[in-house]
Amino acid sequence: MSEVPTIAPLQLGVKENLAQFSILVGVNALVGGMIGQERTVLPLLAKNEFGLTAFTASLTFIVAFGAVKAITNFFAGTLSDRHGRKPVLIAGWLIGLPIPLIIIWAPTWGWIIFANVLLGINQGLTWSTTVIMKIDLAGPKQRGFAMGLNEAAGYGAVAVTALATGYIAQHAGLRPEPFFLGIAYVGLGLGISFFFVRETRAHAHYEASNRATTNDTHKQSLSTREIFMLTSFRDKALSSCSQAGLVNNLNDGLAWGLFPIFFLAAGLSISRIGILAALYPAVWGLGQLYTGALSDRIGRKPLIVGGMVVQALAIAWIGATSSFTTWAVGAVLLGAGTAMVYPTLLAAIGDVANPTWRARAVGIYRLWRDSGFAVGALLAGILADLVSITAAIYAVAALTGLSGIVVAIRMNETHLR
C-alpha cells in the first residue's frame, strides 16, 4: 500500500523562505526605481520647461503623489487581507505602465500631476504589498531585518536612479532619455510579479494560529474602523509610529521638492545636484541593511527617537550651510537618520498588530506616513513663497525634532527581546 504524500508545513523566517524573499527584494528595488526617475529631474523640469516660478505650484506633483499614495496604502492593506497579496501587487504594476510615457510626452504641467496620481497608486499598491509579504514570510524574530532589506532595496534603487537620471539629463536633456529607465522598471516589475511571485497570505494565517505577536494585547477580530482608531490614536505605540512616519515623509517631501531648487539657486550643475539627490537615499537605503537588524537586538524605540533627532540636525545643517561639501555631509546625516527610523517603524507596527489584521494596520500606518509627502510639500512650498526656502528648511527641521520628542515621551518599547 503506497503512502499518502504529506504536505510540508509552512515555515516562517527569511532563510526558510529565501528564494521568494529574494524575489520580493528585487521587485521592491524596481518599485523604488519608479520614484527615483523623478527625484532629480522633475523639480528642474517644472522650472526650466514648464516655467513654474512659484514653489507651491511647482510642488503640486508631490502633493498629488503623496495624497493619492496615502489613500492607496489604506486600501492596499484591506484588499491584501481580503483578496490576497499577489493580485494587489500585479494591479499596482499595471497602473504604473503609462507613467514614464506620460512624463515624456506631457504637453502641460497638468499631465505631470496626472502621472504622479498614477505613481501614487502604483507605489501604494506595490510597495505596501511587498512590505506585507515580507512581514508574512519573516515571522516575528526577523521582522526588523526583513524590513531593513525591503527598504534598503527600494531606496537604494531610488538613489541609483536619481544619480543615473541626473547624469543622463546633464548630457541628453531633461526629456525623454532620463525616463527610459522607468519604462524598463515597470516592464520588469510586472513580468517578475506575474510569473515568479507567490501568494503569502497563508503565512500570516499560519503565524496567527501558532503564536501570538510579540505584543499581542489586542484581540484577533477587529473591524477596520477599530484598527484605524488603534493605529492612529488609541494605541500609544502604533499612534506614535504613525505620527513619526508622517513627519519623516514630510521632511522627505522637502528634500525631494525644494532641495534641488535650493542647490540650483546656489549655482550647482544638474549632475552635482543629482549626486546630492542620490547621496541621501543611498545612505538611507544601505543603512537599513544594518539598522533593521539592529532594532531586532536593541529594540525599536532608541532607533526611532535617535533617528528623528539626527534628521532634524541634518536638515538644519543643510539650511545653514552653502557649499557642495557641507551639503553632502548633511545629505549623509539625513540618510543615516532616516535609515534608523524607516524599517524600525514598520517592524514596530508588525510587533503590535495581530497577524489577522496586520496588513490593514500596515496600510493605515502607511496612509499617515505617506500623507507626509503632501503635507511637507504644501508646508515647504507656502513657507518658501511667503518667506524663503531657508525658512521652510528650518521649520521642517523643528517639526522633525518635535516628533522625536513625542516618541520619546509617549511610545513604549514594542520588541520584547
Protein backbone atom coordinates (compact mmCIF):
# COMPACT_ATOMS: atom_id res chain seq x y z
CA MET A 1 0.00 0.00 0.00
CA SER A 2 1.51 3.29 -1.10
CA GLU A 3 1.92 6.08 1.40
CA VAL A 4 -0.10 9.26 1.03
CA PRO A 5 2.34 12.13 0.40
CA THR A 6 2.38 14.75 3.13
CA ILE A 7 2.45 18.47 2.52
CA ALA A 8 5.34 20.24 4.20
CA PRO A 9 4.11 22.76 6.79
CA LEU A 10 4.65 26.45 6.20
CA GLN A 11 7.76 27.91 7.80
CA LEU A 12 8.47 31.44 8.95
CA GLY A 13 11.85 33.13 8.56
CA VAL A 14 13.98 34.79 5.92
CA LYS A 15 16.26 31.77 5.46
CA GLU A 16 13.33 29.37 5.32
CA ASN A 17 11.71 31.42 2.53
CA LEU A 18 14.90 32.74 0.94
CA ALA A 19 14.02 32.26 -2.73
CA GLN A 20 10.67 34.02 -2.52
CA PHE A 21 12.02 36.66 -0.14
CA SER A 22 14.87 37.45 -2.58
CA ILE A 23 12.44 37.84 -5.48
CA LEU A 24 10.39 40.30 -3.42
CA VAL A 25 13.54 42.30 -2.56
CA GLY A 26 14.24 42.60 -6.28
CA VAL A 27 10.67 43.63 -7.01
CA ASN A 28 10.83 46.38 -4.40
CA ALA A 29 14.04 47.69 -5.95
CA LEU A 30 12.09 48.18 -9.17
CA VAL A 31 9.30 49.87 -7.19
CA GLY A 32 11.85 52.32 -5.75
CA GLY A 33 13.29 52.97 -9.19
CA MET A 34 9.90 54.31 -10.30
CA ILE A 35 10.24 57.13 -7.74
CA GLY A 36 13.95 57.55 -8.42
CA GLN A 37 13.33 58.54 -12.03
CA GLU A 38 11.70 61.75 -10.71
CA ARG A 39 13.94 62.74 -7.78
CA THR A 40 16.48 64.80 -9.70
CA VAL A 41 14.71 65.74 -12.91
CA LEU A 42 11.09 66.64 -12.15
CA PRO A 43 11.70 69.72 -9.91
CA LEU A 44 14.05 71.05 -12.60
CA LEU A 45 11.53 70.21 -15.33
CA ALA A 46 8.93 72.32 -13.51
CA LYS A 47 11.19 75.33 -13.56
CA ASN A 48 13.02 75.01 -16.87
CA GLU A 49 10.44 73.52 -19.25
CA PHE A 50 7.09 74.49 -17.74
CA GLY A 51 8.14 77.88 -16.34
CA LEU A 52 6.72 77.39 -12.84
CA THR A 53 8.29 80.02 -10.60
CA ALA A 54 6.06 79.75 -7.50
CA PHE A 55 7.30 76.99 -5.22
CA THR A 56 3.78 75.99 -4.20
CA ALA A 57 2.81 75.43 -7.84
CA SER A 58 5.98 73.51 -8.70
CA LEU A 59 5.49 71.14 -5.76
CA THR A 60 1.95 70.16 -6.76
CA PHE A 61 3.28 66.92 -8.26
CA ILE A 62 4.49 65.82 -4.79
CA VAL A 63 1.18 66.85 -3.19
CA ALA A 64 -0.72 64.76 -5.76
CA PHE A 65 1.64 61.82 -5.32
CA GLY A 66 1.60 61.88 -1.52
CA ALA A 67 -2.15 62.31 -1.11
CA VAL A 68 -3.03 59.54 -3.56
CA LYS A 69 -0.35 57.17 -2.26
CA ALA A 70 -1.51 57.68 1.32
CA ILE A 71 -5.11 56.75 0.48
CA THR A 72 -4.00 53.83 -1.71
CA ASN A 73 -1.89 52.41 1.15
CA PHE A 74 -5.04 52.11 3.25
CA PHE A 75 -6.91 50.22 0.55
CA ALA A 76 -3.85 48.10 -0.29
CA GLY A 77 -3.83 46.65 3.22
CA THR A 78 -7.57 45.97 3.21
CA LEU A 79 -7.51 44.44 -0.28
CA SER A 80 -4.50 42.29 0.63
CA ASP A 81 -6.38 40.84 3.60
CA ARG A 82 -9.49 40.26 1.50
CA HIS A 83 -8.18 39.08 -1.87
CA GLY A 84 -4.53 38.16 -1.28
CA ARG A 85 -1.23 39.97 -1.74
CA LYS A 86 -0.25 38.98 -5.29
CA PRO A 87 -3.34 40.36 -7.12
CA VAL A 88 -2.81 43.75 -5.45
CA LEU A 89 0.87 43.74 -6.44
CA ILE A 90 0.08 42.98 -10.08
CA ALA A 91 -2.64 45.65 -10.17
CA GLY A 92 -0.10 48.21 -8.96
CA TRP A 93 2.29 47.41 -11.78
CA LEU A 94 -0.48 47.57 -14.41
CA ILE A 95 -1.37 51.08 -13.22
CA GLY A 96 2.32 52.04 -13.43
CA LEU A 97 2.71 51.12 -17.11
CA PRO A 98 1.87 54.54 -18.65
CA ILE A 99 3.69 56.74 -16.09
CA PRO A 100 7.07 57.25 -17.83
CA LEU A 101 5.38 57.72 -21.20
CA ILE A 102 3.06 60.42 -19.84
CA ILE A 103 6.03 62.30 -18.34
CA ILE A 104 7.95 62.03 -21.61
CA TRP A 105 5.10 63.36 -23.75
CA ALA A 106 3.37 65.71 -21.25
CA PRO A 107 2.48 68.99 -23.04
CA THR A 108 1.39 70.76 -19.82
CA TRP A 109 2.13 70.53 -16.10
CA GLY A 110 -1.32 69.08 -15.53
CA TRP A 111 -0.22 65.89 -17.29
CA ILE A 112 2.76 65.65 -14.93
CA ILE A 113 0.37 65.88 -11.98
CA PHE A 114 -1.79 63.15 -13.54
CA ALA A 115 1.30 60.94 -13.95
CA ASN A 116 2.02 61.41 -10.25
CA VAL A 117 -1.54 60.48 -9.32
CA LEU A 118 -0.90 57.19 -11.13
CA LEU A 119 2.52 56.93 -9.44
CA GLY A 120 0.87 57.34 -6.04
CA ILE A 121 -1.50 54.45 -6.80
CA ASN A 122 1.38 52.37 -8.22
CA GLN A 123 3.55 52.93 -5.16
CA GLY A 124 0.72 52.48 -2.67
CA LEU A 125 -0.22 49.09 -4.11
CA THR A 126 3.23 47.70 -4.92
CA TRP A 127 5.37 48.96 -2.03
CA SER A 128 2.69 48.27 0.59
CA THR A 129 2.25 44.75 -0.73
CA THR A 130 5.96 43.91 -0.78
CA VAL A 131 6.19 45.15 2.83
CA ILE A 132 3.24 43.00 3.89
CA MET A 133 4.55 39.93 2.03
CA LYS A 134 7.99 40.16 3.63
CA ILE A 135 6.45 40.54 7.10
CA ASP A 136 4.34 37.47 6.33
CA LEU A 137 7.40 35.42 5.37
CA ALA A 138 9.87 36.63 8.00
CA GLY A 139 7.91 35.95 11.17
CA PRO A 140 8.33 37.85 14.46
CA LYS A 141 12.02 37.12 15.13
CA GLN A 142 13.42 38.73 11.95
CA ARG A 143 10.88 41.44 11.29
CA GLY A 144 13.36 44.32 11.61
CA PHE A 145 15.90 42.56 9.42
CA ALA A 146 13.26 41.88 6.78
CA MET A 147 12.11 45.49 6.73
CA GLY A 148 15.71 46.67 6.53
CA LEU A 149 16.27 44.59 3.42
CA ASN A 150 12.98 45.71 1.88
CA GLU A 151 13.56 49.41 2.42
CA ALA A 152 17.26 49.16 1.52
CA ALA A 153 16.36 47.68 -1.85
CA GLY A 154 13.70 50.30 -2.53
CA TYR A 155 15.66 53.37 -1.50
CA GLY A 156 18.92 52.04 -2.88
CA ALA A 157 17.17 51.95 -6.25
CA VAL A 158 15.84 55.47 -5.65
CA ALA A 159 19.44 56.64 -5.14
CA VAL A 160 20.94 54.82 -8.10
CA THR A 161 18.17 56.02 -10.42
CA ALA A 162 18.36 59.62 -9.15
CA LEU A 163 22.10 59.61 -9.85
CA ALA A 164 21.67 57.99 -13.26
CA THR A 165 18.89 60.34 -14.37
CA GLY A 166 20.91 63.37 -13.23
CA TYR A 167 23.84 62.20 -15.34
CA ILE A 168 21.61 61.45 -18.33
CA ALA A 169 19.83 64.81 -18.05
CA GLN A 170 23.17 66.65 -17.89
CA HIS A 171 24.26 65.11 -21.20
CA ALA A 172 21.00 64.43 -23.07
CA GLY A 173 18.44 66.88 -21.65
CA LEU A 174 15.59 66.65 -19.15
CA ARG A 175 13.34 64.68 -21.53
CA PRO A 176 12.90 61.96 -22.80
CA GLU A 177 16.08 59.97 -22.11
CA PRO A 178 16.06 60.02 -18.25
CA PHE A 179 12.64 58.34 -18.21
CA PHE A 180 13.64 55.39 -20.39
CA LEU A 181 14.75 53.76 -17.12
CA GLY A 182 11.17 53.94 -15.85
CA ILE A 183 9.92 52.06 -18.91
CA ALA A 184 12.38 49.25 -18.17
CA TYR A 185 11.50 49.16 -14.46
CA VAL A 186 7.75 48.86 -14.94
CA GLY A 187 8.10 46.14 -17.58
CA LEU A 188 10.40 44.06 -15.40
CA GLY A 189 8.31 44.61 -12.28
CA LEU A 190 5.12 43.43 -13.93
CA GLY A 191 6.75 40.39 -15.52
CA ILE A 192 8.50 39.20 -12.34
CA SER A 193 5.43 39.79 -10.17
CA PHE A 194 3.16 37.86 -12.53
CA PHE A 195 5.40 34.86 -13.22
CA PHE A 196 7.57 34.42 -10.13
CA VAL A 197 5.95 35.95 -7.01
CA ARG A 198 3.84 33.56 -4.91
CA GLU A 199 0.98 34.39 -2.53
CA THR A 200 2.00 34.78 1.16
CA ARG A 201 -1.32 35.33 2.94
CA ALA A 202 -1.27 31.74 4.23
CA HIS A 203 1.93 32.54 6.16
CA ALA A 204 0.10 35.27 8.09
CA HIS A 205 -2.72 32.86 8.95
CA TYR A 206 -0.15 30.25 9.99
CA GLU A 207 1.55 32.72 12.35
CA ALA A 208 -1.79 33.76 13.81
CA SER A 209 -2.78 30.16 14.53
CA ASN A 210 0.56 29.10 16.04
CA ARG A 211 1.82 32.04 18.04
CA ALA A 212 0.85 35.42 19.36
CA THR A 213 2.62 38.53 18.18
CA THR A 214 5.32 39.90 20.47
CA ASN A 215 3.00 42.49 21.95
CA ASP A 216 -0.36 40.89 21.20
CA THR A 217 -2.53 42.93 23.55
CA HIS A 218 -5.44 43.24 21.11
CA LYS A 219 -7.98 40.65 20.09
CA GLN A 220 -7.80 38.99 16.68
CA SER A 221 -11.20 40.01 15.35
CA LEU A 222 -11.35 43.77 14.85
CA SER A 223 -13.23 45.91 12.37
CA THR A 224 -11.32 48.18 10.02
CA ARG A 225 -12.65 51.18 11.94
CA GLU A 226 -11.31 49.76 15.22
CA ILE A 227 -7.92 49.09 13.62
CA PHE A 228 -7.86 52.64 12.24
CA MET A 229 -8.54 54.16 15.65
CA LEU A 230 -5.92 51.96 17.34
CA THR A 231 -3.22 52.67 14.76
CA SER A 232 -3.97 56.38 14.51
CA PHE A 233 -4.81 57.46 18.06
CA ARG A 234 -5.53 54.93 20.81
CA ASP A 235 -2.57 52.57 20.96
CA LYS A 236 0.45 54.53 22.20
CA ALA A 237 3.00 52.55 20.20
CA LEU A 238 1.02 52.38 16.94
CA SER A 239 -0.03 56.04 17.00
CA SER A 240 3.48 57.21 17.93
CA CYS A 241 4.79 55.34 14.90
CA SER A 242 2.11 56.86 12.68
CA GLN A 243 2.95 60.46 13.62
CA ALA A 244 6.70 59.81 13.31
CA GLY A 245 6.17 58.26 9.88
CA LEU A 246 4.16 61.29 8.77
CA VAL A 247 6.87 63.72 9.87
CA ASN A 248 9.61 61.57 8.35
CA ASN A 249 7.98 61.76 4.92
CA LEU A 250 7.16 65.42 5.49
CA ASN A 251 10.89 66.13 5.53
CA ASP A 252 11.42 63.78 2.58
CA GLY A 253 8.88 65.87 0.63
CA LEU A 254 11.05 68.90 1.38
CA ALA A 255 14.19 67.07 0.25
CA TRP A 256 12.53 65.87 -2.95
CA GLY A 257 10.84 69.11 -3.97
CA LEU A 258 12.90 72.01 -2.64
CA PHE A 259 16.48 70.81 -2.19
CA PRO A 260 17.18 70.54 -5.97
CA ILE A 261 15.87 74.11 -6.47
CA PHE A 262 17.81 75.30 -3.40
CA PHE A 263 21.01 73.79 -4.79
CA LEU A 264 20.34 75.10 -8.32
CA ALA A 265 19.92 78.65 -6.96
CA ALA A 266 23.39 78.32 -5.43
CA GLY A 267 24.87 77.61 -8.87
CA LEU A 268 25.31 73.82 -8.76
CA SER A 269 25.21 71.91 -12.05
CA ILE A 270 22.48 69.34 -12.70
CA SER A 271 24.97 66.48 -12.38
CA ARG A 272 26.13 67.71 -8.94
CA ILE A 273 22.52 68.17 -7.86
CA GLY A 274 21.99 64.58 -8.97
CA ILE A 275 24.84 63.47 -6.71
CA LEU A 276 23.27 65.20 -3.70
CA ALA A 277 19.80 63.89 -4.62
CA ALA A 278 21.25 60.37 -4.75
CA LEU A 279 23.50 60.59 -1.68
CA TYR A 280 20.66 60.95 0.81
CA PRO A 281 18.60 57.92 -0.33
CA ALA A 282 21.82 55.92 -0.91
CA VAL A 283 22.84 56.22 2.74
CA TRP A 284 19.21 55.73 3.72
CA GLY A 285 18.98 52.56 1.66
CA LEU A 286 22.31 50.98 2.60
CA GLY A 287 22.00 51.99 6.25
CA GLN A 288 18.80 49.99 6.62
CA LEU A 289 20.73 46.78 5.98
CA TYR A 290 22.21 47.39 9.44
CA THR A 291 19.55 49.35 11.31
CA GLY A 292 16.70 46.93 10.61
CA ALA A 293 18.61 44.03 12.14
CA LEU A 294 19.92 46.29 14.93
CA SER A 295 16.35 47.03 16.01
CA ASP A 296 15.85 43.28 16.47
CA ARG A 297 18.70 43.35 19.02
CA ILE A 298 18.39 46.65 20.91
CA GLY A 299 14.71 47.44 20.40
CA ARG A 300 12.69 49.83 18.25
CA LYS A 301 12.33 52.95 20.40
CA PRO A 302 16.01 54.02 20.68
CA LEU A 303 16.44 53.96 16.90
CA ILE A 304 13.22 55.84 16.21
CA VAL A 305 13.95 58.62 18.72
CA GLY A 306 17.62 58.89 17.71
CA GLY A 307 16.81 58.83 14.02
CA MET A 308 14.32 61.69 14.23
CA VAL A 309 16.83 63.82 16.15
CA VAL A 310 19.61 63.11 13.62
CA GLN A 311 17.28 64.03 10.75
CA ALA A 312 16.36 67.31 12.44
CA LEU A 313 20.01 68.27 12.89
CA ALA A 314 20.86 67.29 9.31
CA ILE A 315 18.07 69.38 7.78
CA ALA A 316 19.05 72.41 9.87
CA TRP A 317 22.70 71.91 8.83
CA ILE A 318 21.76 71.95 5.13
CA GLY A 319 19.81 75.17 5.62
CA ALA A 320 22.67 76.80 7.50
CA THR A 321 25.50 75.98 5.05
CA SER A 322 26.24 76.91 1.45
CA SER A 323 28.71 74.57 -0.27
CA PHE A 324 28.56 71.25 -2.08
CA THR A 325 30.78 69.59 0.53
CA THR A 326 28.75 70.71 3.55
CA TRP A 327 25.50 69.82 1.81
CA ALA A 328 26.94 66.37 1.07
CA VAL A 329 27.65 65.95 4.80
CA GLY A 330 24.08 67.00 5.56
CA ALA A 331 22.70 64.54 2.98
CA VAL A 332 24.71 61.70 4.55
CA LEU A 333 23.41 62.57 8.04
CA LEU A 334 19.84 62.88 6.77
CA GLY A 335 20.13 59.47 5.12
CA ALA A 336 21.58 57.94 8.29
CA GLY A 337 18.78 59.34 10.46
CA THR A 338 16.13 58.13 8.04
CA ALA A 339 17.74 54.67 7.92
CA MET A 340 17.44 54.46 11.71
CA VAL A 341 13.73 55.25 11.57
CA TYR A 342 12.24 53.78 8.41
CA PRO A 343 12.45 49.99 8.80
CA THR A 344 12.12 50.26 12.57
CA LEU A 345 8.71 51.93 12.37
CA LEU A 346 7.40 49.17 10.11
CA ALA A 347 8.84 46.50 12.40
CA ALA A 348 7.16 48.13 15.41
CA ILE A 349 3.80 48.07 13.64
CA GLY A 350 4.36 44.38 12.94
CA ASP A 351 5.24 43.77 16.61
CA VAL A 352 1.97 45.14 17.92
CA ALA A 353 -0.58 44.22 15.23
CA ASN A 354 -2.13 40.76 15.27
CA PRO A 355 -1.30 38.80 12.07
CA THR A 356 -5.00 38.56 11.20
CA TRP A 357 -5.27 42.35 10.80
CA ARG A 358 -1.62 43.30 10.40
CA ALA A 359 -1.95 44.13 6.69
CA ARG A 360 -4.65 46.68 7.48
CA ALA A 361 -2.57 48.18 10.30
CA VAL A 362 0.41 48.50 7.94
CA GLY A 363 -1.85 50.14 5.36
CA ILE A 364 -3.19 52.64 7.91
CA TYR A 365 0.30 53.44 9.18
CA ARG A 366 1.46 53.99 5.60
CA LEU A 367 -1.60 56.18 4.99
CA TRP A 368 -0.39 58.53 7.72
CA ARG A 369 3.27 58.19 6.75
CA ASP A 370 2.82 58.98 3.07
CA SER A 371 0.38 61.81 3.69
CA GLY A 372 3.56 63.46 4.95
CA PHE A 373 4.64 63.93 1.33
CA ALA A 374 1.60 66.11 0.66
CA VAL A 375 1.79 67.96 3.99
CA GLY A 376 5.52 68.56 3.58
CA ALA A 377 5.24 69.80 0.00
CA LEU A 378 2.42 72.20 0.90
CA LEU A 379 4.12 73.47 4.05
CA ALA A 380 7.51 73.87 2.38
CA GLY A 381 6.03 75.49 -0.73
CA ILE A 382 3.92 78.01 1.18
CA LEU A 383 6.77 78.98 3.52
CA ALA A 384 9.23 79.24 0.63
CA ASP A 385 6.84 81.54 -1.27
CA LEU A 386 5.93 83.69 1.75
CA VAL A 387 9.34 83.84 3.46
CA SER A 388 12.22 81.87 1.90
CA ILE A 389 13.43 78.35 1.16
CA THR A 390 15.74 78.59 4.16
CA ALA A 391 12.81 79.37 6.46
CA ALA A 392 10.97 76.32 5.11
CA ILE A 393 14.02 74.15 5.80
CA TYR A 394 14.32 75.35 9.41
CA ALA A 395 10.60 74.87 10.05
CA VAL A 396 10.73 71.26 8.84
CA ALA A 397 13.84 70.63 10.97
CA ALA A 398 11.97 71.88 14.06
CA LEU A 399 8.94 69.67 13.35
CA THR A 400 11.19 66.64 12.92
CA GLY A 401 12.88 67.22 16.27
CA LEU A 402 9.50 67.68 17.96
CA SER A 403 8.29 64.37 16.53
CA GLY A 404 11.25 62.59 18.10
CA ILE A 405 10.37 64.11 21.47
CA VAL A 406 6.78 62.83 21.14
CA VAL A 407 8.05 59.29 20.52
CA ALA A 408 10.43 59.52 23.49
CA ILE A 409 7.62 60.55 25.84
CA ARG A 410 4.67 58.52 24.56
CA MET A 411 5.86 55.29 22.88
CA ASN A 412 6.54 52.08 24.77
CA GLU A 413 9.11 49.56 23.53
CA THR A 414 7.40 47.01 21.25
CA HIS A 415 10.15 44.43 20.70
CA LEU A 416 10.39 42.34 23.85
CA ARG A 417 13.77 40.67 23.43
